[in-house]
Amino acid sequence: FCNNKFIQDTYCLTEDHSKTYVGYGIIMLTKKHLTVQHYEKKLPSQMARQLLIGNVFFNDGYSVCVGTSHLESSRAAPMRKQQLQIILPLLQRVVDTPKQISPDTVTEVVDFPDRLTDVLFMGDCNFDPNWEDCTEEEVIQLNQYTDLWTELNGSEHGYTMPPNKKSSGKRIDRVISKLSVWKPHSIQLIGTEDIGTGCNECKQAKGACTVSDHFGLLTVLY
């Protein structure tokens, strides 16, 4: 993936993606004309989960703090809740007081050249907000983040893992935000097409053969 010519010509990758791309790891790609600073924080986890932050700077002076993670899998609601309790306030602090973020909070002290105004957090959260007794969702609400799918698409189910023979549909991949300058325009599922290769996993689930068992989310701000 990282050696693909299109990727290399179009995007800047996380500076040292070997640190964050381990097993179920994470990586961030940014268009080359933008300035971005990356840093990471280890999270409490039995699965080596991490938070990856990218501060993206635009010429108009209004820049965005983007966080992504792959939260704890399986029946691990208490761990996911703990991870979110660290992630969401930290992203807000990066925006509010970036020069006061210490090595105890992140792995690197960064000198921010511009003003950060808005926060986005996204990734495989491994929980659906519609699940009964979803304590992880309470953390999102307590920290006053907005679920962009719900805000823009209302009651559309938005399953990022579609129903199949093995399980019902789940909306476990999320984009949530705290926006003060940027405005949400749209959010849609991508990677939903059947590419027709008929891999064994898809044959067993009797579902369409897509590029991943998760759909992606394409989000547009203006």
C-alpha atoms as a PDB file:
ATOM      1  CA  PHE A   1       0.000   0.000   0.000  1.00  0.00           C
ATOM      2  CA  CYS A   2       2.682   2.501   1.045  1.00  0.00           C
ATOM      3  CA  ASN A   3       4.746   1.665  -2.065  1.00  0.00           C
ATOM      4  CA  ASN A   4       1.831   2.352  -4.440  1.00  0.00           C
ATOM      5  CA  LYS A   5       2.813   5.087  -6.912  1.00  0.00           C
ATOM      6  CA  PHE A   6      -0.554   6.857  -6.770  1.00  0.00           C
ATOM      7  CA  ILE A   7      -0.382   6.957  -2.955  1.00  0.00           C
ATOM      8  CA  GLN A   8       3.201   8.243  -3.012  1.00  0.00           C
ATOM      9  CA  ASP A   9       2.440  10.913  -5.643  1.00  0.00           C
ATOM     10  CA  THR A  10      -0.739  12.185  -3.997  1.00  0.00           C
ATOM     11  CA  TYR A  11      -0.429  11.875  -0.226  1.00  0.00           C
ATOM     12  CA  CYS A  12       1.881  12.407   2.691  1.00  0.00           C
ATOM     13  CA  LEU A  13       1.741   9.437   5.062  1.00  0.00           C
ATOM     14  CA  THR A  14       2.119   9.423   8.822  1.00  0.00           C
ATOM     15  CA  GLU A  15       5.786  10.245   9.401  1.00  0.00           C
ATOM     16  CA  ASP A  16       6.646   6.938  11.056  1.00  0.00           C
ATOM     17  CA  HIS A  17       3.701   4.707  10.236  1.00  0.00           C
ATOM     18  CA  SER A  18       5.684   1.674  11.353  1.00  0.00           C
ATOM     19  CA  LYS A  19       4.913   2.755  14.943  1.00  0.00           C
ATOM     20  CA  THR A  20       1.154   2.988  14.507  1.00  0.00           C
ATOM     21  CA  TYR A  21       0.575   0.321  11.878  1.00  0.00           C
ATOM     22  CA  VAL A  22       1.090  -2.822  13.929  1.00  0.00           C
ATOM     23  CA  GLY A  23      -1.510  -5.588  13.652  1.00  0.00           C
ATOM     24  CA  TYR A  24      -4.811  -3.714  13.740  1.00  0.00           C
ATOM     25  CA  GLY A  25      -2.942  -0.443  13.286  1.00  0.00           C
ATOM     26  CA  ILE A  26      -3.778   3.001  11.954  1.00  0.00           C
ATOM     27  CA  ILE A  27      -2.317   5.271   9.307  1.00  0.00           C
ATOM     28  CA  MET A  28      -3.201   8.779   8.151  1.00  0.00           C
ATOM     29  CA  LEU A  29      -2.878  10.135   4.600  1.00  0.00           C
ATOM     30  CA  THR A  30      -2.952  13.871   3.852  1.00  0.00           C
ATOM     31  CA  LYS A  31      -2.932  15.624   0.481  1.00  0.00           C
ATOM     32  CA  LYS A  32       0.573  16.857  -0.277  1.00  0.00           C
ATOM     33  CA  HIS A  33      -0.352  20.540  -0.635  1.00  0.00           C
ATOM     34  CA  LEU A  34      -1.379  20.684   3.038  1.00  0.00           C
ATOM     35  CA  THR A  35       0.828  21.099   6.088  1.00  0.00           C
ATOM     36  CA  VAL A  36       0.256  18.452   8.746  1.00  0.00           C
ATOM     37  CA  GLN A  37       1.906  17.462  12.021  1.00  0.00           C
ATOM     38  CA  HIS A  38       1.407  13.931  13.342  1.00  0.00           C
ATOM     39  CA  TYR A  39       1.894  12.498  16.788  1.00  0.00           C
ATOM     40  CA  GLU A  40       0.547   9.508  18.669  1.00  0.00           C
ATOM     41  CA  LYS A  41      -0.491   8.421  22.121  1.00  0.00           C
ATOM     42  CA  LYS A  42      -0.716   4.882  23.448  1.00  0.00           C
ATOM     43  CA  LEU A  43      -4.077   3.977  24.935  1.00  0.00           C
ATOM     44  CA  PRO A  44      -4.967   1.563  27.728  1.00  0.00           C
ATOM     45  CA  SER A  45      -5.548  -1.629  25.776  1.00  0.00           C
ATOM     46  CA  GLN A  46      -5.115  -5.372  25.606  1.00  0.00           C
ATOM     47  CA  MET A  47      -4.719  -5.024  21.817  1.00  0.00           C
ATOM     48  CA  ALA A  48      -2.019  -2.318  21.496  1.00  0.00           C
ATOM     49  CA  ARG A  49      -4.515   0.363  20.480  1.00  0.00           C
ATOM     50  CA  GLN A  50      -3.267   3.908  19.900  1.00  0.00           C
ATOM     51  CA  LEU A  51      -4.572   7.392  19.144  1.00  0.00           C
ATOM     52  CA  LEU A  52      -3.080   9.056  16.068  1.00  0.00           C
ATOM     53  CA  ILE A  53      -3.465  12.848  15.810  1.00  0.00           C
ATOM     54  CA  GLY A  54      -2.928  14.981  12.727  1.00  0.00           C
ATOM     55  CA  ASN A  55      -3.054  18.762  12.975  1.00  0.00           C
ATOM     56  CA  VAL A  56      -3.898  19.948   9.463  1.00  0.00           C
ATOM     57  CA  PHE A  57      -3.101  23.577   8.611  1.00  0.00           C
ATOM     58  CA  PHE A  58      -4.791  25.603   5.874  1.00  0.00           C
ATOM     59  CA  ASN A  59      -3.738  28.908   4.334  1.00  0.00           C
ATOM     60  CA  ASP A  60      -6.771  30.756   5.684  1.00  0.00           C
ATOM     61  CA  GLY A  61      -5.590  30.239   9.253  1.00  0.00           C
ATOM     62  CA  TYR A  62      -8.448  27.964  10.296  1.00  0.00           C
ATOM     63  CA  SER A  63      -6.984  24.559  10.932  1.00  0.00           C
ATOM     64  CA  VAL A  64      -8.318  21.221  12.125  1.00  0.00           C
ATOM     65  CA  CYS A  65      -7.215  18.686  14.719  1.00  0.00           C
ATOM     66  CA  VAL A  66      -8.006  15.204  13.374  1.00  0.00           C
ATOM     67  CA  GLY A  67      -7.837  12.146  15.614  1.00  0.00           C
ATOM     68  CA  THR A  68      -8.250   8.534  14.594  1.00  0.00           C
ATOM     69  CA  SER A  69      -8.096   5.230  16.430  1.00  0.00           C
ATOM     70  CA  HIS A  70      -9.261   1.647  16.302  1.00  0.00           C
ATOM     71  CA  LEU A  71     -11.011   1.173  19.630  1.00  0.00           C
ATOM     72  CA  GLU A  72     -10.932  -2.097  21.556  1.00  0.00           C
ATOM     73  CA  SER A  73     -12.709  -4.975  19.824  1.00  0.00           C
ATOM     74  CA  SER A  74     -15.189  -7.598  20.930  1.00  0.00           C
ATOM     75  CA  ARG A  75     -16.986  -7.459  24.299  1.00  0.00           C
ATOM     76  CA  ALA A  76     -14.842  -4.690  25.727  1.00  0.00           C
ATOM     77  CA  ALA A  77     -17.237  -1.825  26.411  1.00  0.00           C
ATOM     78  CA  PRO A  78     -15.477  -0.702  29.637  1.00  0.00           C
ATOM     79  CA  MET A  79     -12.142  -0.489  27.808  1.00  0.00           C
ATOM     80  CA  ARG A  80     -13.647   1.442  24.876  1.00  0.00           C
ATOM     81  CA  LYS A  81     -15.286   3.830  27.336  1.00  0.00           C
ATOM     82  CA  GLN A  82     -11.943   4.384  29.059  1.00  0.00           C
ATOM     83  CA  GLN A  83     -10.237   4.990  25.713  1.00  0.00           C
ATOM     84  CA  LEU A  84     -12.842   7.591  24.720  1.00  0.00           C
ATOM     85  CA  GLN A  85     -12.544   9.266  28.112  1.00  0.00           C
ATOM     86  CA  ILE A  86      -8.886   9.881  27.236  1.00  0.00           C
ATOM     87  CA  ILE A  87      -9.252  10.671  23.533  1.00  0.00           C
ATOM     88  CA  LEU A  88     -12.084  13.185  23.401  1.00  0.00           C
ATOM     89  CA  PRO A  89     -10.908  15.614  26.119  1.00  0.00           C
ATOM     90  CA  LEU A  90      -7.334  15.363  24.810  1.00  0.00           C
ATOM     91  CA  LEU A  91      -8.346  16.419  21.290  1.00  0.00           C
ATOM     92  CA  GLN A  92     -10.202  19.389  22.734  1.00  0.00           C
ATOM     93  CA  ARG A  93      -7.162  20.364  24.813  1.00  0.00           C
ATOM     94  CA  VAL A  94      -4.973  20.232  21.703  1.00  0.00           C
ATOM     95  CA  VAL A  95      -7.247  22.897  20.181  1.00  0.00           C
ATOM     96  CA  ASP A  96      -7.646  24.995  23.326  1.00  0.00           C
ATOM     97  CA  THR A  97      -4.059  25.022  24.613  1.00  0.00           C
ATOM     98  CA  PRO A  98      -1.786  23.355  22.032  1.00  0.00           C
ATOM     99  CA  LYS A  99       1.482  24.698  23.441  1.00  0.00           C
ATOM    100  CA  GLN A 100       0.660  23.295  26.873  1.00  0.00           C
ATOM    101  CA  ILE A 101       0.346  19.678  25.742  1.00  0.00           C
ATOM    102  CA  SER A 102       3.121  17.871  27.612  1.00  0.00           C
ATOM    103  CA  PRO A 103       5.141  14.704  26.941  1.00  0.00           C
ATOM    104  CA  ASP A 104       2.995  12.994  29.587  1.00  0.00           C
ATOM    105  CA  THR A 105      -0.043  13.605  27.417  1.00  0.00           C
ATOM    106  CA  VAL A 106       1.362  12.855  23.979  1.00  0.00           C
ATOM    107  CA  THR A 107       4.661  11.469  22.809  1.00  0.00           C
ATOM    108  CA  GLU A 108       5.954  14.756  21.454  1.00  0.00           C
ATOM    109  CA  VAL A 109       5.708  18.494  22.210  1.00  0.00           C
ATOM    110  CA  VAL A 110       4.682  20.219  18.991  1.00  0.00           C
ATOM    111  CA  ASP A 111       5.090  23.912  18.154  1.00  0.00           C
ATOM    112  CA  PHE A 112       1.883  24.793  16.328  1.00  0.00           C
ATOM    113  CA  PRO A 113       2.427  27.412  13.590  1.00  0.00           C
ATOM    114  CA  ASP A 114      -1.221  28.350  13.254  1.00  0.00           C
ATOM    115  CA  ARG A 115      -4.541  28.476  15.024  1.00  0.00           C
ATOM    116  CA  LEU A 116      -6.442  25.217  15.548  1.00  0.00           C
ATOM    117  CA  THR A 117     -10.191  25.769  15.547  1.00  0.00           C
ATOM    118  CA  ASP A 118     -12.043  22.495  15.052  1.00  0.00           C
ATOM    119  CA  VAL A 119     -11.904  18.845  16.119  1.00  0.00           C
ATOM    120  CA  LEU A 120     -12.734  15.643  14.236  1.00  0.00           C
ATOM    121  CA  PHE A 121     -12.467  12.122  15.609  1.00  0.00           C
ATOM    122  CA  MET A 122     -13.052   9.137  13.365  1.00  0.00           C
ATOM    123  CA  GLY A 123     -12.358   5.455  13.023  1.00  0.00           C
ATOM    124  CA  ASP A 124     -13.560   1.965  13.843  1.00  0.00           C
ATOM    125  CA  CYS A 125     -15.186   2.552  17.217  1.00  0.00           C
ATOM    126  CA  ASN A 126     -16.423  -1.042  17.566  1.00  0.00           C
ATOM    127  CA  PHE A 127     -19.783  -0.025  19.026  1.00  0.00           C
ATOM    128  CA  ASP A 128     -23.111   0.996  17.540  1.00  0.00           C
ATOM    129  CA  PRO A 129     -24.828   3.992  19.194  1.00  0.00           C
ATOM    130  CA  ASN A 130     -28.151   2.164  18.902  1.00  0.00           C
ATOM    131  CA  TRP A 131     -27.051  -0.757  21.053  1.00  0.00           C
ATOM    132  CA  GLU A 132     -28.889  -1.077  24.330  1.00  0.00           C
ATOM    133  CA  ASP A 133     -27.008   0.310  27.365  1.00  0.00           C
ATOM    134  CA  CYS A 134     -24.276   1.772  25.163  1.00  0.00           C
ATOM    135  CA  THR A 135     -22.067   3.422  27.793  1.00  0.00           C
ATOM    136  CA  GLU A 136     -19.486   4.473  25.193  1.00  0.00           C
ATOM    137  CA  GLU A 137     -22.046   6.756  23.554  1.00  0.00           C
ATOM    138  CA  GLU A 138     -22.545   8.508  26.893  1.00  0.00           C
ATOM    139  CA  VAL A 139     -18.897   9.649  26.778  1.00  0.00           C
ATOM    140  CA  ILE A 140     -19.427  11.219  23.344  1.00  0.00           C
ATOM    141  CA  GLN A 141     -22.488  13.095  24.588  1.00  0.00           C
ATOM    142  CA  LEU A 142     -20.809  14.162  27.836  1.00  0.00           C
ATOM    143  CA  ASN A 143     -17.924  15.686  25.873  1.00  0.00           C
ATOM    144  CA  GLN A 144     -20.419  17.419  23.539  1.00  0.00           C
ATOM    145  CA  TYR A 145     -19.264  15.888  20.278  1.00  0.00           C
ATOM    146  CA  THR A 146     -21.677  15.664  17.337  1.00  0.00           C
ATOM    147  CA  ASP A 147     -22.269  12.479  15.333  1.00  0.00           C
ATOM    148  CA  LEU A 148     -22.073  13.756  11.747  1.00  0.00           C
ATOM    149  CA  TRP A 149     -23.997  10.838  10.273  1.00  0.00           C
ATOM    150  CA  THR A 150     -26.993  11.527  12.503  1.00  0.00           C
ATOM    151  CA  GLU A 151     -26.766  15.285  12.024  1.00  0.00           C
ATOM    152  CA  LEU A 152     -26.674  15.102   8.227  1.00  0.00           C
ATOM    153  CA  ASN A 153     -28.602  11.910   7.427  1.00  0.00           C
ATOM    154  CA  GLY A 154     -31.118  11.692  10.257  1.00  0.00           C
ATOM    155  CA  SER A 155     -32.527   8.234  10.881  1.00  0.00           C
ATOM    156  CA  GLU A 156     -30.852   6.491   7.909  1.00  0.00           C
ATOM    157  CA  HIS A 157     -29.270   3.357   9.386  1.00  0.00           C
ATOM    158  CA  GLY A 158     -25.815   3.992   7.855  1.00  0.00           C
ATOM    159  CA  TYR A 159     -24.519   0.489   8.531  1.00  0.00           C
ATOM    160  CA  THR A 160     -20.763   0.399   7.982  1.00  0.00           C
ATOM    161  CA  MET A 161     -20.909  -3.363   8.473  1.00  0.00           C
ATOM    162  CA  PRO A 162     -23.927  -4.503   6.442  1.00  0.00           C
ATOM    163  CA  PRO A 163     -26.208  -7.342   7.528  1.00  0.00           C
ATOM    164  CA  ASN A 164     -25.335 -10.801   6.256  1.00  0.00           C
ATOM    165  CA  LYS A 165     -25.974 -14.439   7.084  1.00  0.00           C
ATOM    166  CA  LYS A 166     -23.758 -14.226  10.183  1.00  0.00           C
ATOM    167  CA  SER A 167     -24.880 -10.950  11.792  1.00  0.00           C
ATOM    168  CA  SER A 168     -27.203  -7.967  11.653  1.00  0.00           C
ATOM    169  CA  GLY A 169     -26.053  -4.587  10.343  1.00  0.00           C
ATOM    170  CA  LYS A 170     -23.908  -2.361  12.568  1.00  0.00           C
ATOM    171  CA  ARG A 171     -22.894   1.305  12.460  1.00  0.00           C
ATOM    172  CA  ILE A 172     -19.577   1.004  14.256  1.00  0.00           C
ATOM    173  CA  ASP A 173     -17.418   3.284  12.102  1.00  0.00           C
ATOM    174  CA  ARG A 174     -17.979   6.888  13.071  1.00  0.00           C
ATOM    175  CA  VAL A 175     -17.074  10.514  12.372  1.00  0.00           C
ATOM    176  CA  ILE A 176     -17.782  12.800  15.313  1.00  0.00           C
ATOM    177  CA  SER A 177     -16.903  16.467  15.623  1.00  0.00           C
ATOM    178  CA  LYS A 178     -16.675  19.724  17.517  1.00  0.00           C
ATOM    179  CA  LEU A 179     -16.851  22.410  14.847  1.00  0.00           C
ATOM    180  CA  SER A 180     -16.738  26.165  15.316  1.00  0.00           C
ATOM    181  CA  VAL A 181     -15.508  27.417  11.922  1.00  0.00           C
ATOM    182  CA  TRP A 182     -15.956  24.551   9.488  1.00  0.00           C
ATOM    183  CA  LYS A 183     -19.489  23.389   8.631  1.00  0.00           C
ATOM    184  CA  PRO A 184     -20.537  19.810   7.793  1.00  0.00           C
ATOM    185  CA  HIS A 185     -21.799  19.442   4.241  1.00  0.00           C
ATOM    186  CA  SER A 186     -22.238  15.708   3.630  1.00  0.00           C
ATOM    187  CA  ILE A 187     -21.280  12.233   4.787  1.00  0.00           C
ATOM    188  CA  GLN A 188     -21.786   9.061   2.767  1.00  0.00           C
ATOM    189  CA  LEU A 189     -20.799   5.406   2.676  1.00  0.00           C
ATOM    190  CA  ILE A 190     -18.082   4.395   0.226  1.00  0.00           C
ATOM    191  CA  GLY A 191     -16.632   1.034  -0.758  1.00  0.00           C
ATOM    192  CA  THR A 192     -20.099  -0.523  -0.922  1.00  0.00           C
ATOM    193  CA  GLU A 193     -19.769  -1.907  -4.444  1.00  0.00           C
ATOM    194  CA  ASP A 194     -19.561  -5.643  -5.093  1.00  0.00           C
ATOM    195  CA  ILE A 195     -16.153  -6.117  -6.752  1.00  0.00           C
ATOM    196  CA  GLY A 196     -17.107  -9.650  -7.689  1.00  0.00           C
ATOM    197  CA  THR A 197     -13.978 -11.553  -6.729  1.00  0.00           C
ATOM    198  CA  GLY A 198     -15.943 -14.024  -4.616  1.00  0.00           C
ATOM    199  CA  CYS A 199     -13.472 -14.497  -1.770  1.00  0.00           C
ATOM    200  CA  ASN A 200     -14.087 -17.363   0.658  1.00  0.00           C
ATOM    201  CA  GLU A 201     -15.079 -15.086   3.571  1.00  0.00           C
ATOM    202  CA  CYS A 202     -17.779 -13.363   1.522  1.00  0.00           C
ATOM    203  CA  LYS A 203     -19.024 -16.685   0.152  1.00  0.00           C
ATOM    204  CA  GLN A 204     -19.428 -18.010   3.706  1.00  0.00           C
ATOM    205  CA  ALA A 205     -21.277 -14.862   4.811  1.00  0.00           C
ATOM    206  CA  LYS A 206     -23.360 -14.952   1.593  1.00  0.00           C
ATOM    207  CA  GLY A 207     -22.887 -11.205   1.117  1.00  0.00           C
ATOM    208  CA  ALA A 208     -21.437  -8.919  -1.540  1.00  0.00           C
ATOM    209  CA  CYS A 209     -17.670  -9.097  -1.963  1.00  0.00           C
ATOM    210  CA  THR A 210     -16.508  -5.559  -1.107  1.00  0.00           C
ATOM    211  CA  VAL A 211     -12.992  -4.187  -0.652  1.00  0.00           C
ATOM    212  CA  SER A 212     -13.359  -4.531   3.131  1.00  0.00           C
ATOM    213  CA  ASP A 213     -15.807  -6.011   5.615  1.00  0.00           C
ATOM    214  CA  HIS A 214     -16.283  -2.382   6.747  1.00  0.00           C
ATOM    215  CA  PHE A 215     -17.582   0.402   4.523  1.00  0.00           C
ATOM    216  CA  GLY A 216     -15.762   3.737   4.516  1.00  0.00           C
ATOM    217  CA  LEU A 217     -17.190   7.167   5.314  1.00  0.00           C
ATOM    218  CA  LEU A 218     -16.552  10.110   2.981  1.00  0.00           C
ATOM    219  CA  THR A 219     -17.140  13.362   4.882  1.00  0.00           C
ATOM    220  CA  VAL A 220     -17.152  16.841   3.335  1.00  0.00           C
ATOM    221  CA  LEU A 221     -16.777  20.082   5.325  1.00  0.00           C
ATOM    222  CA  TYR A 222     -16.846  23.615   3.974  1.00  0.00           C
END
